[in-house]
Amino acid sequence: VYLQMNSLKPEDTAVYYCAASARPDS
């Protein structure tokens, strides 16, 4: 899976994680 990030701002600074769940949209 991918995350496309455009028009980035300083407040977007963070550690980014992906995760999987058996309950979609939880």
PDB file of all heavy atoms in Angstrom:
ATOM      1  N   VAL A   1       0.849  -1.182   0.000  1.00  0.00           N
ATOM      2  CA  VAL A   1       0.000   0.000   0.000  1.00  0.00           C
ATOM      3  C   VAL A   1       0.888   1.236   0.000  1.00  0.00           C
ATOM      4  O   VAL A   1       2.024   1.206   0.479  1.00  0.00           O
ATOM      5  CB  VAL A   1      -0.976   0.033   1.193  1.00  0.00           C
ATOM      6  CG1 VAL A   1      -1.988  -1.094   1.088  1.00  0.00           C
ATOM      7  CG2 VAL A   1      -0.215  -0.041   2.516  1.00  0.00           C
ATOM      8  N   TYR A   2       0.362   2.330  -0.540  1.00  0.00           N
ATOM      9  CA  TYR A   2       1.119   3.553  -0.704  1.00  0.00           C
ATOM     10  C   TYR A   2       0.350   4.727  -0.106  1.00  0.00           C
ATOM     11  O   TYR A   2      -0.878   4.718  -0.030  1.00  0.00           O
ATOM     12  CB  TYR A   2       1.379   3.843  -2.180  1.00  0.00           C
ATOM     13  CG  TYR A   2       2.049   2.714  -2.922  1.00  0.00           C
ATOM     14  CD1 TYR A   2       1.304   1.720  -3.539  1.00  0.00           C
ATOM     15  CD2 TYR A   2       3.436   2.649  -3.008  1.00  0.00           C
ATOM     16  CE1 TYR A   2       1.913   0.687  -4.220  1.00  0.00           C
ATOM     17  CE2 TYR A   2       4.052   1.615  -3.693  1.00  0.00           C
ATOM     18  CZ  TYR A   2       3.294   0.637  -4.297  1.00  0.00           C
ATOM     19  OH  TYR A   2       3.908  -0.385  -4.970  1.00  0.00           O
ATOM     20  N   LEU A   3       1.096   5.744   0.287  1.00  0.00           N
ATOM     21  CA  LEU A   3       0.509   7.008   0.682  1.00  0.00           C
ATOM     22  C   LEU A   3       1.185   8.111  -0.117  1.00  0.00           C
ATOM     23  O   LEU A   3       2.369   8.384   0.082  1.00  0.00           O
ATOM     24  CB  LEU A   3       0.681   7.270   2.183  1.00  0.00           C
ATOM     25  CG  LEU A   3       0.037   8.551   2.706  1.00  0.00           C
ATOM     26  CD1 LEU A   3      -1.492   8.447   2.639  1.00  0.00           C
ATOM     27  CD2 LEU A   3       0.485   8.856   4.129  1.00  0.00           C
ATOM     28  N   GLN A   4       0.444   8.720  -1.032  1.00  0.00           N
ATOM     29  CA  GLN A   4       0.942   9.848  -1.798  1.00  0.00           C
ATOM     30  C   GLN A   4       0.652  11.120  -1.022  1.00  0.00           C
ATOM     31  O   GLN A   4      -0.503  11.391  -0.687  1.00  0.00           O
ATOM     32  CB  GLN A   4       0.282   9.904  -3.175  1.00  0.00           C
ATOM     33  CG  GLN A   4       0.721  11.083  -4.033  1.00  0.00           C
ATOM     34  CD  GLN A   4       2.168  10.996  -4.441  1.00  0.00           C
ATOM     35  OE1 GLN A   4       2.638   9.918  -4.823  1.00  0.00           O
ATOM     36  NE2 GLN A   4       2.893  12.102  -4.356  1.00  0.00           N
ATOM     37  N   MET A   5       1.683  11.906  -0.747  1.00  0.00           N
ATOM     38  CA  MET A   5       1.551  13.134   0.024  1.00  0.00           C
ATOM     39  C   MET A   5       2.009  14.304  -0.831  1.00  0.00           C
ATOM     40  O   MET A   5       3.161  14.353  -1.269  1.00  0.00           O
ATOM     41  CB  MET A   5       2.374  13.058   1.310  1.00  0.00           C
ATOM     42  CG  MET A   5       2.043  11.855   2.183  1.00  0.00           C
ATOM     43  SD  MET A   5       2.886  11.898   3.790  1.00  0.00           S
ATOM     44  CE  MET A   5       4.597  11.796   3.253  1.00  0.00           C
ATOM     45  N   ASN A   6       1.109  15.243  -1.062  1.00  0.00           N
ATOM     46  CA  ASN A   6       1.392  16.423  -1.861  1.00  0.00           C
ATOM     47  C   ASN A   6       1.232  17.684  -1.024  1.00  0.00           C
ATOM     48  O   ASN A   6       0.582  17.683   0.020  1.00  0.00           O
ATOM     49  CB  ASN A   6       0.459  16.481  -3.074  1.00  0.00           C
ATOM     50  CG  ASN A   6       0.623  15.302  -4.005  1.00  0.00           C
ATOM     51  OD1 ASN A   6       1.726  14.790  -4.198  1.00  0.00           O
ATOM     52  ND2 ASN A   6      -0.479  14.875  -4.615  1.00  0.00           N
ATOM     53  N   SER A   7       1.816  18.766  -1.515  1.00  0.00           N
ATOM     54  CA  SER A   7       1.705  20.070  -0.849  1.00  0.00           C
ATOM     55  C   SER A   7       2.039  19.969   0.628  1.00  0.00           C
ATOM     56  O   SER A   7       1.297  20.448   1.496  1.00  0.00           O
ATOM     57  CB  SER A   7       0.298  20.645  -1.055  1.00  0.00           C
ATOM     58  OG  SER A   7       0.005  20.797  -2.426  1.00  0.00           O
ATOM     59  N   LEU A   8       3.160  19.364   0.930  1.00  0.00           N
ATOM     60  CA  LEU A   8       3.534  19.111   2.314  1.00  0.00           C
ATOM     61  C   LEU A   8       3.803  20.411   3.064  1.00  0.00           C
ATOM     62  O   LEU A   8       4.317  21.382   2.508  1.00  0.00           O
ATOM     63  CB  LEU A   8       4.755  18.207   2.370  1.00  0.00           C
ATOM     64  CG  LEU A   8       4.464  16.737   2.040  1.00  0.00           C
ATOM     65  CD1 LEU A   8       5.750  15.990   1.738  1.00  0.00           C
ATOM     66  CD2 LEU A   8       3.719  16.076   3.203  1.00  0.00           C
ATOM     67  N   LYS A   9       3.457  20.395   4.341  1.00  0.00           N
ATOM     68  CA  LYS A   9       3.605  21.538   5.224  1.00  0.00           C
ATOM     69  C   LYS A   9       4.485  21.156   6.411  1.00  0.00           C
ATOM     70  O   LYS A   9       4.578  19.983   6.762  1.00  0.00           O
ATOM     71  CB  LYS A   9       2.236  21.995   5.726  1.00  0.00           C
ATOM     72  CG  LYS A   9       1.240  22.315   4.629  1.00  0.00           C
ATOM     73  CD  LYS A   9      -0.129  22.625   5.215  1.00  0.00           C
ATOM     74  CE  LYS A   9      -1.139  22.913   4.123  1.00  0.00           C
ATOM     75  NZ  LYS A   9      -2.485  23.200   4.685  1.00  0.00           N
ATOM     76  N   PRO A  10       5.126  22.132   7.053  1.00  0.00           N
ATOM     77  CA  PRO A  10       5.952  21.816   8.222  1.00  0.00           C
ATOM     78  C   PRO A  10       5.193  21.045   9.297  1.00  0.00           C
ATOM     79  O   PRO A  10       5.788  20.191   9.972  1.00  0.00           O
ATOM     80  CB  PRO A  10       6.391  23.191   8.729  1.00  0.00           C
ATOM     81  CG  PRO A  10       6.425  24.031   7.495  1.00  0.00           C
ATOM     82  CD  PRO A  10       5.254  23.554   6.669  1.00  0.00           C
ATOM     83  N   GLU A  11       3.909  21.304   9.465  1.00  0.00           N
ATOM     84  CA  GLU A  11       3.130  20.598  10.471  1.00  0.00           C
ATOM     85  C   GLU A  11       2.876  19.136  10.120  1.00  0.00           C
ATOM     86  O   GLU A  11       2.337  18.389  10.939  1.00  0.00           O
ATOM     87  CB  GLU A  11       1.795  21.308  10.728  1.00  0.00           C
ATOM     88  CG  GLU A  11       0.988  21.586   9.476  1.00  0.00           C
ATOM     89  CD  GLU A  11       1.165  22.999   8.958  1.00  0.00           C
ATOM     90  OE1 GLU A  11       2.310  23.491   8.970  1.00  0.00           O
ATOM     91  OE2 GLU A  11       0.164  23.615   8.542  1.00  0.00           O
ATOM     92  N   ASP A  12       3.255  18.710   8.912  1.00  0.00           N
ATOM     93  CA  ASP A  12       3.170  17.305   8.541  1.00  0.00           C
ATOM     94  C   ASP A  12       4.351  16.496   9.066  1.00  0.00           C
ATOM     95  O   ASP A  12       4.373  15.269   8.915  1.00  0.00           O
ATOM     96  CB  ASP A  12       3.089  17.144   7.024  1.00  0.00           C
ATOM     97  CG  ASP A  12       1.818  17.733   6.434  1.00  0.00           C
ATOM     98  OD1 ASP A  12       0.749  17.581   7.055  1.00  0.00           O
ATOM     99  OD2 ASP A  12       1.902  18.340   5.342  1.00  0.00           O
ATOM    100  N   THR A  13       5.325  17.161   9.645  1.00  0.00           N
ATOM    101  CA  THR A  13       6.500  16.474  10.179  1.00  0.00           C
ATOM    102  C   THR A  13       6.084  15.485  11.260  1.00  0.00           C
ATOM    103  O   THR A  13       5.440  15.858  12.240  1.00  0.00           O
ATOM    104  CB  THR A  13       7.503  17.484  10.738  1.00  0.00           C
ATOM    105  OG1 THR A  13       7.995  18.307   9.676  1.00  0.00           O
ATOM    106  CG2 THR A  13       8.676  16.773  11.400  1.00  0.00           C
ATOM    107  N   ALA A  14       6.449  14.218  11.076  1.00  0.00           N
ATOM    108  CA  ALA A  14       6.045  13.162  12.000  1.00  0.00           C
ATOM    109  C   ALA A  14       6.677  11.852  11.548  1.00  0.00           C
ATOM    110  O   ALA A  14       7.259  11.761  10.467  1.00  0.00           O
ATOM    111  CB  ALA A  14       4.522  13.018  12.042  1.00  0.00           C
ATOM    112  N   VAL A  15       6.532  10.835  12.389  1.00  0.00           N
ATOM    113  CA  VAL A  15       6.832   9.471  11.980  1.00  0.00           C
ATOM    114  C   VAL A  15       5.547   8.877  11.422  1.00  0.00           C
ATOM    115  O   VAL A  15       4.498   8.942  12.064  1.00  0.00           O
ATOM    116  CB  VAL A  15       7.352   8.616  13.150  1.00  0.00           C
ATOM    117  CG1 VAL A  15       7.589   7.180  12.696  1.00  0.00           C
ATOM    118  CG2 VAL A  15       8.641   9.214  13.703  1.00  0.00           C
ATOM    119  N   TYR A  16       5.637   8.305  10.236  1.00  0.00           N
ATOM    120  CA  TYR A  16       4.470   7.760   9.558  1.00  0.00           C
ATOM    121  C   TYR A  16       4.495   6.241   9.619  1.00  0.00           C
ATOM    122  O   TYR A  16       5.525   5.612   9.370  1.00  0.00           O
ATOM    123  CB  TYR A  16       4.425   8.236   8.106  1.00  0.00           C
ATOM    124  CG  TYR A  16       3.985   9.674   7.987  1.00  0.00           C
ATOM    125  CD1 TYR A  16       4.813  10.713   8.389  1.00  0.00           C
ATOM    126  CD2 TYR A  16       2.715   9.993   7.485  1.00  0.00           C
ATOM    127  CE1 TYR A  16       4.395  12.031   8.307  1.00  0.00           C
ATOM    128  CE2 TYR A  16       2.301  11.309   7.395  1.00  0.00           C
ATOM    129  CZ  TYR A  16       3.142  12.327   7.803  1.00  0.00           C
ATOM    130  OH  TYR A  16       2.726  13.637   7.719  1.00  0.00           O
ATOM    131  N   TYR A  17       3.342   5.656   9.945  1.00  0.00           N
ATOM    132  CA  TYR A  17       3.210   4.219  10.118  1.00  0.00           C
ATOM    133  C   TYR A  17       2.092   3.677   9.233  1.00  0.00           C
ATOM    134  O   TYR A  17       1.091   4.358   8.999  1.00  0.00           O
ATOM    135  CB  TYR A  17       2.852   3.860  11.559  1.00  0.00           C
ATOM    136  CG  TYR A  17       3.845   4.305  12.612  1.00  0.00           C
ATOM    137  CD1 TYR A  17       3.767   5.561  13.184  1.00  0.00           C
ATOM    138  CD2 TYR A  17       4.848   3.437  13.040  1.00  0.00           C
ATOM    139  CE1 TYR A  17       4.666   5.958  14.160  1.00  0.00           C
ATOM    140  CE2 TYR A  17       5.750   3.827  14.012  1.00  0.00           C
ATOM    141  CZ  TYR A  17       5.657   5.089  14.571  1.00  0.00           C
ATOM    142  OH  TYR A  17       6.547   5.472  15.541  1.00  0.00           O
ATOM    143  N   CYS A  18       2.245   2.441   8.785  1.00  0.00           N
ATOM    144  CA  CYS A  18       1.132   1.709   8.209  1.00  0.00           C
ATOM    145  C   CYS A  18       0.766   0.566   9.145  1.00  0.00           C
ATOM    146  O   CYS A  18       1.571   0.135   9.968  1.00  0.00           O
ATOM    147  CB  CYS A  18       1.441   1.182   6.804  1.00  0.00           C
ATOM    148  SG  CYS A  18       2.706  -0.099   6.721  1.00  0.00           S
ATOM    149  N   ALA A  19      -0.467   0.091   9.037  1.00  0.00           N
ATOM    150  CA  ALA A  19      -0.934  -0.972   9.901  1.00  0.00           C
ATOM    151  C   ALA A  19      -2.059  -1.738   9.216  1.00  0.00           C
ATOM    152  O   ALA A  19      -2.690  -1.238   8.289  1.00  0.00           O
ATOM    153  CB  ALA A  19      -1.414  -0.412  11.244  1.00  0.00           C
ATOM    154  N   ALA A  20      -2.309  -2.954   9.707  1.00  0.00           N
ATOM    155  CA  ALA A  20      -3.342  -3.819   9.170  1.00  0.00           C
ATOM    156  C   ALA A  20      -4.333  -4.189  10.254  1.00  0.00           C
ATOM    157  O   ALA A  20      -3.952  -4.400  11.407  1.00  0.00           O
ATOM    158  CB  ALA A  20      -2.726  -5.083   8.565  1.00  0.00           C
ATOM    159  N   SER A  21      -5.595  -4.290   9.873  1.00  0.00           N
ATOM    160  CA  SER A  21      -6.661  -4.616  10.810  1.00  0.00           C
ATOM    161  C   SER A  21      -7.678  -5.537  10.164  1.00  0.00           C
ATOM    162  O   SER A  21      -7.956  -5.424   8.967  1.00  0.00           O
ATOM    163  CB  SER A  21      -7.365  -3.345  11.291  1.00  0.00           C
ATOM    164  OG  SER A  21      -8.488  -3.655  12.096  1.00  0.00           O
ATOM    165  N   ALA A  22      -8.240  -6.432  10.966  1.00  0.00           N
ATOM    166  CA  ALA A  22      -9.334  -7.273  10.508  1.00  0.00           C
ATOM    167  C   ALA A  22     -10.670  -6.538  10.567  1.00  0.00           C
ATOM    168  O   ALA A  22     -11.685  -7.085  10.142  1.00  0.00           O
ATOM    169  CB  ALA A  22      -9.406  -8.556  11.330  1.00  0.00           C
ATOM    170  N   ARG A  23     -10.662  -5.321  11.095  1.00  0.00           N
ATOM    171  CA  ARG A  23     -11.869  -4.493  11.183  1.00  0.00           C
ATOM    172  C   ARG A  23     -11.645  -3.225  10.364  1.00  0.00           C
ATOM    173  O   ARG A  23     -11.215  -2.199  10.913  1.00  0.00           O
ATOM    174  CB  ARG A  23     -12.207  -4.148  12.621  1.00  0.00           C
ATOM    175  CG  ARG A  23     -12.509  -5.356  13.494  1.00  0.00           C
ATOM    176  CD  ARG A  23     -13.009  -4.943  14.858  1.00  0.00           C
ATOM    177  NE  ARG A  23     -14.273  -4.236  14.776  1.00  0.00           N
ATOM    178  CZ  ARG A  23     -14.918  -3.708  15.818  1.00  0.00           C
ATOM    179  NH1 ARG A  23     -14.386  -3.821  17.031  1.00  0.00           N
ATOM    180  NH2 ARG A  23     -16.062  -3.080  15.653  1.00  0.00           N
ATOM    181  N   PRO A  24     -11.928  -3.267   9.075  1.00  0.00           N
ATOM    182  CA  PRO A  24     -11.723  -2.096   8.219  1.00  0.00           C
ATOM    183  C   PRO A  24     -12.473  -0.866   8.713  1.00  0.00           C
ATOM    184  O   PRO A  24     -13.604  -0.958   9.191  1.00  0.00           O
ATOM    185  CB  PRO A  24     -12.271  -2.558   6.863  1.00  0.00           C
ATOM    186  CG  PRO A  24     -12.136  -4.046   6.889  1.00  0.00           C
ATOM    187  CD  PRO A  24     -12.415  -4.435   8.326  1.00  0.00           C
ATOM    188  N   ASP A  25     -11.809   0.267   8.610  1.00  0.00           N
ATOM    189  CA  ASP A  25     -12.366   1.569   8.982  1.00  0.00           C
ATOM    190  C   ASP A  25     -12.568   1.740  10.481  1.00  0.00           C
ATOM    191  O   ASP A  25     -13.237   2.685  10.908  1.00  0.00           O
ATOM    192  CB  ASP A  25     -13.682   1.849   8.263  1.00  0.00           C
ATOM    193  CG  ASP A  25     -13.486   2.282   6.824  1.00  0.00           C
ATOM    194  OD1 ASP A  25     -12.398   2.804   6.503  1.00  0.00           O
ATOM    195  OD2 ASP A  25     -14.419   2.106   6.026  1.00  0.00           O
ATOM    196  N   SER A  26     -11.982   0.866  11.274  1.00  0.00           N
ATOM    197  CA  SER A  26     -12.055   1.043  12.716  1.00  0.00           C
ATOM    198  C   SER A  26     -11.354   2.336  13.124  1.00  0.00           C
ATOM    199  O   SER A  26     -10.305   2.690  12.584  1.00  0.00           O
ATOM    200  CB  SER A  26     -11.409  -0.135  13.441  1.00  0.00           C
ATOM    201  OG  SER A  26     -11.339   0.112  14.833  1.00  0.00           O
TER     202      SER A  26
END
